[in-house]
Amino acid sequence: MAGKQGERTTQPGERGTRKRLSTEERREQLLSAGASLFAQHPYDDVWIEQVAEIAGVSRGLLYHYFPTKRDFFAAVVERESARMLRLTAAEPGVPVREQIRTGLDVFLDYAHTHAHGFRAFHRAAATGDPLVRDVYRAGLAAHERQILDALAADPESARITRDPVTLRIAVRGWLAFMVAVCLDWLDAPDLSREQLRDLCARALLGAIEP
């Protein structure tokens, strides 16, 4: 027997009723379920029905929030990108080099705590869908700008003599390095988090300093 949209009626032998979620709570639930699936399976191997089943909602309700699978995966990627940007935002007035270790600690804690979302975000690079790839590239570009803006706002960065184009490429290369080592660390944590943090910090400083 069907209940109201977003709810499931109590079946014989069950106790109580399922809590009715707000629009944002339901959307977050669906995105979390999607992040888990997309982290474990290639994009083409994930069926939208699986997400609905995990979340305990009807397929129609899922399509109410996300019209297509590509829209759904794009939303998963955007969610993780926004979360990472928010957590790693620079603190105004504090020299970048003082923030590197703290920022990396926060980033690695995020990658470990939200491993499904982190993996799902970077799986987007391999999908054949242009929309999803564009969302992924926009997320990486936002991270790149965040680092470059923090460097530009740091008075101590005046001693960095690299030209803007070289600096941008150096930061982009470091982001690719950090993603690769973090994904490897999640699969096989041969280094401690502190060792990985120090490795990434040294790599960043080496990339941006002449």
C-alpha atoms as a PDB file:
ATOM      1  CA  MET A   1       0.000   0.000   0.000  1.00  0.00           C
ATOM      2  CA  ALA A   2       1.428   3.375  -0.980  1.00  0.00           C
ATOM      3  CA  GLY A   3       1.652   6.236   1.469  1.00  0.00           C
ATOM      4  CA  LYS A   4       2.248   9.907   0.885  1.00  0.00           C
ATOM      5  CA  GLN A   5       5.136  10.856  -1.339  1.00  0.00           C
ATOM      6  CA  GLY A   6       8.373  10.435   0.606  1.00  0.00           C
ATOM      7  CA  GLU A   7       6.804   8.126   3.202  1.00  0.00           C
ATOM      8  CA  ARG A   8       6.169   4.413   3.510  1.00  0.00           C
ATOM      9  CA  THR A   9       3.137   3.053   5.308  1.00  0.00           C
ATOM     10  CA  THR A  10       3.631   0.688   8.216  1.00  0.00           C
ATOM     11  CA  GLN A  11       3.306  -2.947   7.194  1.00  0.00           C
ATOM     12  CA  PRO A  12       1.830  -5.676   9.383  1.00  0.00           C
ATOM     13  CA  GLY A  13       4.281  -6.693  12.082  1.00  0.00           C
ATOM     14  CA  GLU A  14       6.253  -3.426  11.895  1.00  0.00           C
ATOM     15  CA  ARG A  15       6.376  -0.881  14.675  1.00  0.00           C
ATOM     16  CA  GLY A  16       5.850   2.817  14.324  1.00  0.00           C
ATOM     17  CA  THR A  17       6.121   4.887  11.174  1.00  0.00           C
ATOM     18  CA  ARG A  18       9.058   6.111   9.170  1.00  0.00           C
ATOM     19  CA  LYS A  19       9.974   9.700   9.907  1.00  0.00           C
ATOM     20  CA  ARG A  20       8.902  12.110   7.206  1.00  0.00           C
ATOM     21  CA  LEU A  21      11.950  13.954   5.950  1.00  0.00           C
ATOM     22  CA  SER A  22      12.124  17.543   4.781  1.00  0.00           C
ATOM     23  CA  THR A  23      13.048  18.233   1.162  1.00  0.00           C
ATOM     24  CA  GLU A  24      16.665  18.967   2.074  1.00  0.00           C
ATOM     25  CA  GLU A  25      16.936  15.949   4.373  1.00  0.00           C
ATOM     26  CA  ARG A  26      15.555  13.656   1.684  1.00  0.00           C
ATOM     27  CA  ARG A  27      17.860  15.114  -0.947  1.00  0.00           C
ATOM     28  CA  GLU A  28      20.845  14.646   1.356  1.00  0.00           C
ATOM     29  CA  GLN A  29      19.803  11.042   2.035  1.00  0.00           C
ATOM     30  CA  LEU A  30      19.603  10.295  -1.677  1.00  0.00           C
ATOM     31  CA  LEU A  31      22.943  11.930  -2.422  1.00  0.00           C
ATOM     32  CA  SER A  32      24.619   9.989   0.384  1.00  0.00           C
ATOM     33  CA  ALA A  33      23.260   6.725  -1.000  1.00  0.00           C
ATOM     34  CA  GLY A  34      24.415   7.699  -4.468  1.00  0.00           C
ATOM     35  CA  ALA A  35      27.902   8.634  -3.276  1.00  0.00           C
ATOM     36  CA  SER A  36      28.281   5.182  -1.744  1.00  0.00           C
ATOM     37  CA  LEU A  37      27.263   3.403  -4.954  1.00  0.00           C
ATOM     38  CA  PHE A  38      29.268   5.603  -7.317  1.00  0.00           C
ATOM     39  CA  ALA A  39      32.328   5.205  -5.086  1.00  0.00           C
ATOM     40  CA  GLN A  40      32.176   1.432  -5.392  1.00  0.00           C
ATOM     41  CA  HIS A  41      31.065   0.994  -8.997  1.00  0.00           C
ATOM     42  CA  PRO A  42      31.715   2.658 -12.375  1.00  0.00           C
ATOM     43  CA  TYR A  43      29.081   5.151 -13.460  1.00  0.00           C
ATOM     44  CA  ASP A  44      27.628   2.854 -16.137  1.00  0.00           C
ATOM     45  CA  ASP A  45      27.179   0.018 -13.616  1.00  0.00           C
ATOM     46  CA  VAL A  46      25.004   2.026 -11.215  1.00  0.00           C
ATOM     47  CA  TRP A  47      21.249   1.822 -11.684  1.00  0.00           C
ATOM     48  CA  ILE A  48      18.990   4.539 -10.371  1.00  0.00           C
ATOM     49  CA  GLU A  49      16.720   1.831  -8.928  1.00  0.00           C
ATOM     50  CA  GLN A  50      19.564   0.772  -6.633  1.00  0.00           C
ATOM     51  CA  VAL A  51      19.727   4.230  -5.126  1.00  0.00           C
ATOM     52  CA  ALA A  52      15.982   4.281  -4.529  1.00  0.00           C
ATOM     53  CA  GLU A  53      16.133   0.841  -2.907  1.00  0.00           C
ATOM     54  CA  ILE A  54      18.985   1.796  -0.571  1.00  0.00           C
ATOM     55  CA  ALA A  55      17.244   5.018   0.424  1.00  0.00           C
ATOM     56  CA  GLY A  56      13.917   3.221   0.888  1.00  0.00           C
ATOM     57  CA  VAL A  57      11.985   5.442  -1.516  1.00  0.00           C
ATOM     58  CA  SER A  58      10.109   4.889  -4.731  1.00  0.00           C
ATOM     59  CA  ARG A  59      11.822   5.339  -8.064  1.00  0.00           C
ATOM     60  CA  GLY A  60       9.266   8.026  -8.860  1.00  0.00           C
ATOM     61  CA  LEU A  61      10.265  10.041  -5.807  1.00  0.00           C
ATOM     62  CA  LEU A  62      13.927   9.835  -6.774  1.00  0.00           C
ATOM     63  CA  TYR A  63      13.101  11.097 -10.257  1.00  0.00           C
ATOM     64  CA  HIS A  64      11.143  13.907  -8.633  1.00  0.00           C
ATOM     65  CA  TYR A  65      14.413  15.187  -7.187  1.00  0.00           C
ATOM     66  CA  PHE A  66      16.729  14.181 -10.043  1.00  0.00           C
ATOM     67  CA  PRO A  67      15.206  13.749 -13.533  1.00  0.00           C
ATOM     68  CA  THR A  68      18.047  11.571 -14.903  1.00  0.00           C
ATOM     69  CA  LYS A  69      20.996   9.540 -13.664  1.00  0.00           C
ATOM     70  CA  ARG A  70      23.411  12.093 -15.091  1.00  0.00           C
ATOM     71  CA  ASP A  71      21.628  14.855 -13.115  1.00  0.00           C
ATOM     72  CA  PHE A  72      21.888  12.720 -10.009  1.00  0.00           C
ATOM     73  CA  PHE A  73      25.602  11.961 -10.385  1.00  0.00           C
ATOM     74  CA  ALA A  74      26.309  15.606 -11.229  1.00  0.00           C
ATOM     75  CA  ALA A  75      24.565  16.583  -7.988  1.00  0.00           C
ATOM     76  CA  VAL A  76      26.685  14.063  -6.038  1.00  0.00           C
ATOM     77  CA  VAL A  77      29.851  15.569  -7.537  1.00  0.00           C
ATOM     78  CA  GLU A  78      28.730  19.149  -6.838  1.00  0.00           C
ATOM     79  CA  ARG A  79      27.871  18.252  -3.238  1.00  0.00           C
ATOM     80  CA  GLU A  80      31.296  16.787  -2.539  1.00  0.00           C
ATOM     81  CA  SER A  81      33.094  19.640  -4.261  1.00  0.00           C
ATOM     82  CA  ALA A  82      31.215  22.232  -2.201  1.00  0.00           C
ATOM     83  CA  ARG A  83      31.909  20.328   1.000  1.00  0.00           C
ATOM     84  CA  MET A  84      35.646  20.154   0.298  1.00  0.00           C
ATOM     85  CA  LEU A  85      35.812  23.838  -0.610  1.00  0.00           C
ATOM     86  CA  ARG A  86      34.007  24.810   2.577  1.00  0.00           C
ATOM     87  CA  LEU A  87      36.227  22.706   4.806  1.00  0.00           C
ATOM     88  CA  THR A  88      39.493  23.831   3.238  1.00  0.00           C
ATOM     89  CA  ALA A  89      38.722  27.558   2.945  1.00  0.00           C
ATOM     90  CA  ALA A  90      41.702  29.723   3.880  1.00  0.00           C
ATOM     91  CA  GLU A  91      41.632  31.790   7.052  1.00  0.00           C
ATOM     92  CA  PRO A  92      42.085  35.501   6.209  1.00  0.00           C
ATOM     93  CA  GLY A  93      45.181  37.144   7.620  1.00  0.00           C
ATOM     94  CA  VAL A  94      47.037  33.910   8.387  1.00  0.00           C
ATOM     95  CA  PRO A  95      50.115  33.160   6.217  1.00  0.00           C
ATOM     96  CA  VAL A  96      49.464  30.327   3.810  1.00  0.00           C
ATOM     97  CA  ARG A  97      52.435  28.324   5.024  1.00  0.00           C
ATOM     98  CA  GLU A  98      51.007  28.324   8.542  1.00  0.00           C
ATOM     99  CA  GLN A  99      47.732  27.002   7.205  1.00  0.00           C
ATOM    100  CA  ILE A 100      49.098  24.211   5.053  1.00  0.00           C
ATOM    101  CA  ARG A 101      49.417  21.602   7.798  1.00  0.00           C
ATOM    102  CA  THR A 102      46.081  22.529   9.379  1.00  0.00           C
ATOM    103  CA  GLY A 103      44.341  22.615   6.008  1.00  0.00           C
ATOM    104  CA  LEU A 104      45.755  19.256   5.001  1.00  0.00           C
ATOM    105  CA  ASP A 105      44.720  17.754   8.344  1.00  0.00           C
ATOM    106  CA  VAL A 106      41.160  18.907   7.688  1.00  0.00           C
ATOM    107  CA  PHE A 107      41.264  17.653   4.103  1.00  0.00           C
ATOM    108  CA  LEU A 108      42.594  14.227   5.042  1.00  0.00           C
ATOM    109  CA  ASP A 109      40.056  13.938   7.836  1.00  0.00           C
ATOM    110  CA  TYR A 110      37.341  14.697   5.288  1.00  0.00           C
ATOM    111  CA  ALA A 111      38.728  12.145   2.801  1.00  0.00           C
ATOM    112  CA  HIS A 112      38.812   9.476   5.511  1.00  0.00           C
ATOM    113  CA  THR A 113      35.438  10.286   7.086  1.00  0.00           C
ATOM    114  CA  HIS A 114      33.644  10.772   3.745  1.00  0.00           C
ATOM    115  CA  ALA A 115      35.605   8.230   1.730  1.00  0.00           C
ATOM    116  CA  HIS A 116      32.592   7.284  -0.413  1.00  0.00           C
ATOM    117  CA  GLY A 117      31.950  10.886  -1.390  1.00  0.00           C
ATOM    118  CA  PHE A 118      35.641  11.549  -2.021  1.00  0.00           C
ATOM    119  CA  ARG A 119      35.954   8.513  -4.277  1.00  0.00           C
ATOM    120  CA  ALA A 120      32.673   9.287  -6.056  1.00  0.00           C
ATOM    121  CA  PHE A 121      33.806  12.845  -6.781  1.00  0.00           C
ATOM    122  CA  HIS A 122      36.999  11.679  -8.447  1.00  0.00           C
ATOM    123  CA  ARG A 123      35.302   8.844 -10.320  1.00  0.00           C
ATOM    124  CA  ALA A 124      33.575  11.588 -12.292  1.00  0.00           C
ATOM    125  CA  ALA A 125      36.797  12.141 -14.225  1.00  0.00           C
ATOM    126  CA  ALA A 126      36.382   8.740 -15.897  1.00  0.00           C
ATOM    127  CA  THR A 127      32.730   9.021 -16.874  1.00  0.00           C
ATOM    128  CA  GLY A 128      31.848   9.475 -20.512  1.00  0.00           C
ATOM    129  CA  ASP A 129      29.089  11.975 -19.750  1.00  0.00           C
ATOM    130  CA  PRO A 130      30.075  15.526 -20.775  1.00  0.00           C
ATOM    131  CA  LEU A 131      27.812  17.151 -18.157  1.00  0.00           C
ATOM    132  CA  VAL A 132      29.350  15.164 -15.302  1.00  0.00           C
ATOM    133  CA  ARG A 133      32.893  15.794 -16.552  1.00  0.00           C
ATOM    134  CA  ASP A 134      32.162  19.520 -16.771  1.00  0.00           C
ATOM    135  CA  VAL A 135      30.875  19.565 -13.180  1.00  0.00           C
ATOM    136  CA  TYR A 136      33.990  17.688 -12.040  1.00  0.00           C
ATOM    137  CA  ARG A 137      36.336  20.042 -13.884  1.00  0.00           C
ATOM    138  CA  ALA A 138      34.514  23.049 -12.449  1.00  0.00           C
ATOM    139  CA  GLY A 139      35.042  21.610  -8.966  1.00  0.00           C
ATOM    140  CA  LEU A 140      38.765  21.146  -9.543  1.00  0.00           C
ATOM    141  CA  ALA A 141      39.029  24.655 -10.992  1.00  0.00           C
ATOM    142  CA  ALA A 142      37.340  26.061  -7.879  1.00  0.00           C
ATOM    143  CA  HIS A 143      39.897  24.298  -5.652  1.00  0.00           C
ATOM    144  CA  GLU A 144      42.685  25.640  -7.808  1.00  0.00           C
ATOM    145  CA  ARG A 145      41.344  29.200  -7.544  1.00  0.00           C
ATOM    146  CA  GLN A 146      40.954  28.831  -3.793  1.00  0.00           C
ATOM    147  CA  ILE A 147      44.648  28.010  -3.402  1.00  0.00           C
ATOM    148  CA  LEU A 148      45.788  30.719  -5.818  1.00  0.00           C
ATOM    149  CA  ASP A 149      43.601  33.328  -4.094  1.00  0.00           C
ATOM    150  CA  ALA A 150      45.048  32.346  -0.711  1.00  0.00           C
ATOM    151  CA  LEU A 151      48.558  32.725  -2.089  1.00  0.00           C
ATOM    152  CA  ALA A 152      47.732  36.106  -3.610  1.00  0.00           C
ATOM    153  CA  ALA A 153      46.338  37.354  -0.280  1.00  0.00           C
ATOM    154  CA  ASP A 154      49.427  36.258   1.668  1.00  0.00           C
ATOM    155  CA  PRO A 155      52.089  39.015   1.995  1.00  0.00           C
ATOM    156  CA  GLU A 156      54.770  36.368   2.392  1.00  0.00           C
ATOM    157  CA  SER A 157      53.969  35.066  -1.067  1.00  0.00           C
ATOM    158  CA  ALA A 158      55.626  38.129  -2.563  1.00  0.00           C
ATOM    159  CA  ARG A 159      58.901  36.231  -2.532  1.00  0.00           C
ATOM    160  CA  ILE A 160      57.469  33.647  -4.890  1.00  0.00           C
ATOM    161  CA  THR A 161      58.939  34.675  -8.228  1.00  0.00           C
ATOM    162  CA  ARG A 162      57.086  32.251 -10.460  1.00  0.00           C
ATOM    163  CA  ASP A 163      54.998  33.896 -13.160  1.00  0.00           C
ATOM    164  CA  PRO A 164      51.209  33.477 -12.798  1.00  0.00           C
ATOM    165  CA  VAL A 165      50.920  30.856 -15.542  1.00  0.00           C
ATOM    166  CA  THR A 166      53.676  28.697 -14.059  1.00  0.00           C
ATOM    167  CA  LEU A 167      52.204  29.069 -10.567  1.00  0.00           C
ATOM    168  CA  ARG A 168      48.766  28.026 -11.798  1.00  0.00           C
ATOM    169  CA  ILE A 169      50.169  24.945 -13.509  1.00  0.00           C
ATOM    170  CA  ALA A 170      52.203  24.085 -10.403  1.00  0.00           C
ATOM    171  CA  VAL A 171      49.095  24.256  -8.194  1.00  0.00           C
ATOM    172  CA  ARG A 172      47.082  22.210 -10.684  1.00  0.00           C
ATOM    173  CA  GLY A 173      49.792  19.568 -10.780  1.00  0.00           C
ATOM    174  CA  TRP A 174      49.925  19.458  -6.991  1.00  0.00           C
ATOM    175  CA  LEU A 175      46.164  18.939  -6.779  1.00  0.00           C
ATOM    176  CA  ALA A 176      46.465  15.954  -9.133  1.00  0.00           C
ATOM    177  CA  PHE A 177      49.292  14.583  -6.990  1.00  0.00           C
ATOM    178  CA  MET A 178      47.326  15.015  -3.767  1.00  0.00           C
ATOM    179  CA  VAL A 179      44.237  13.312  -5.172  1.00  0.00           C
ATOM    180  CA  ALA A 180      46.297  10.354  -6.401  1.00  0.00           C
ATOM    181  CA  VAL A 181      48.102   9.794  -3.091  1.00  0.00           C
ATOM    182  CA  CYS A 182      44.896  10.263  -1.051  1.00  0.00           C
ATOM    183  CA  LEU A 183      43.002   7.682  -3.110  1.00  0.00           C
ATOM    184  CA  ASP A 184      45.923   5.294  -2.744  1.00  0.00           C
ATOM    185  CA  TRP A 185      46.036   5.950   1.014  1.00  0.00           C
ATOM    186  CA  LEU A 186      42.331   5.192   1.389  1.00  0.00           C
ATOM    187  CA  ASP A 187      42.804   1.859  -0.373  1.00  0.00           C
ATOM    188  CA  ALA A 188      46.093   0.949   1.340  1.00  0.00           C
ATOM    189  CA  PRO A 189      46.969   3.160   4.344  1.00  0.00           C
ATOM    190  CA  ASP A 190      50.674   2.284   4.423  1.00  0.00           C
ATOM    191  CA  LEU A 191      51.473   5.783   5.705  1.00  0.00           C
ATOM    192  CA  SER A 192      50.037   7.401   8.815  1.00  0.00           C
ATOM    193  CA  ARG A 193      47.880  10.449   8.272  1.00  0.00           C
ATOM    194  CA  GLU A 194      50.673  12.615   9.675  1.00  0.00           C
ATOM    195  CA  GLN A 195      53.180  11.140   7.220  1.00  0.00           C
ATOM    196  CA  LEU A 196      50.796  11.682   4.318  1.00  0.00           C
ATOM    197  CA  ARG A 197      50.100  15.241   5.448  1.00  0.00           C
ATOM    198  CA  ASP A 198      53.801  16.065   5.601  1.00  0.00           C
ATOM    199  CA  LEU A 199      54.375  14.492   2.184  1.00  0.00           C
ATOM    200  CA  CYS A 200      51.622  16.624   0.627  1.00  0.00           C
ATOM    201  CA  ALA A 201      52.859  19.768   2.407  1.00  0.00           C
ATOM    202  CA  ARG A 202      56.391  19.301   1.127  1.00  0.00           C
ATOM    203  CA  ALA A 203      55.077  18.661  -2.375  1.00  0.00           C
ATOM    204  CA  LEU A 204      53.010  21.866  -2.341  1.00  0.00           C
ATOM    205  CA  LEU A 205      55.852  24.023  -1.056  1.00  0.00           C
ATOM    206  CA  GLY A 206      58.184  22.490  -3.590  1.00  0.00           C
ATOM    207  CA  ALA A 207      55.685  23.209  -6.367  1.00  0.00           C
ATOM    208  CA  ILE A 208      55.087  26.873  -5.556  1.00  0.00           C
ATOM    209  CA  GLU A 209      58.484  28.023  -4.355  1.00  0.00           C
ATOM    210  CA  PRO A 210      61.275  28.859  -6.812  1.00  0.00           C
END
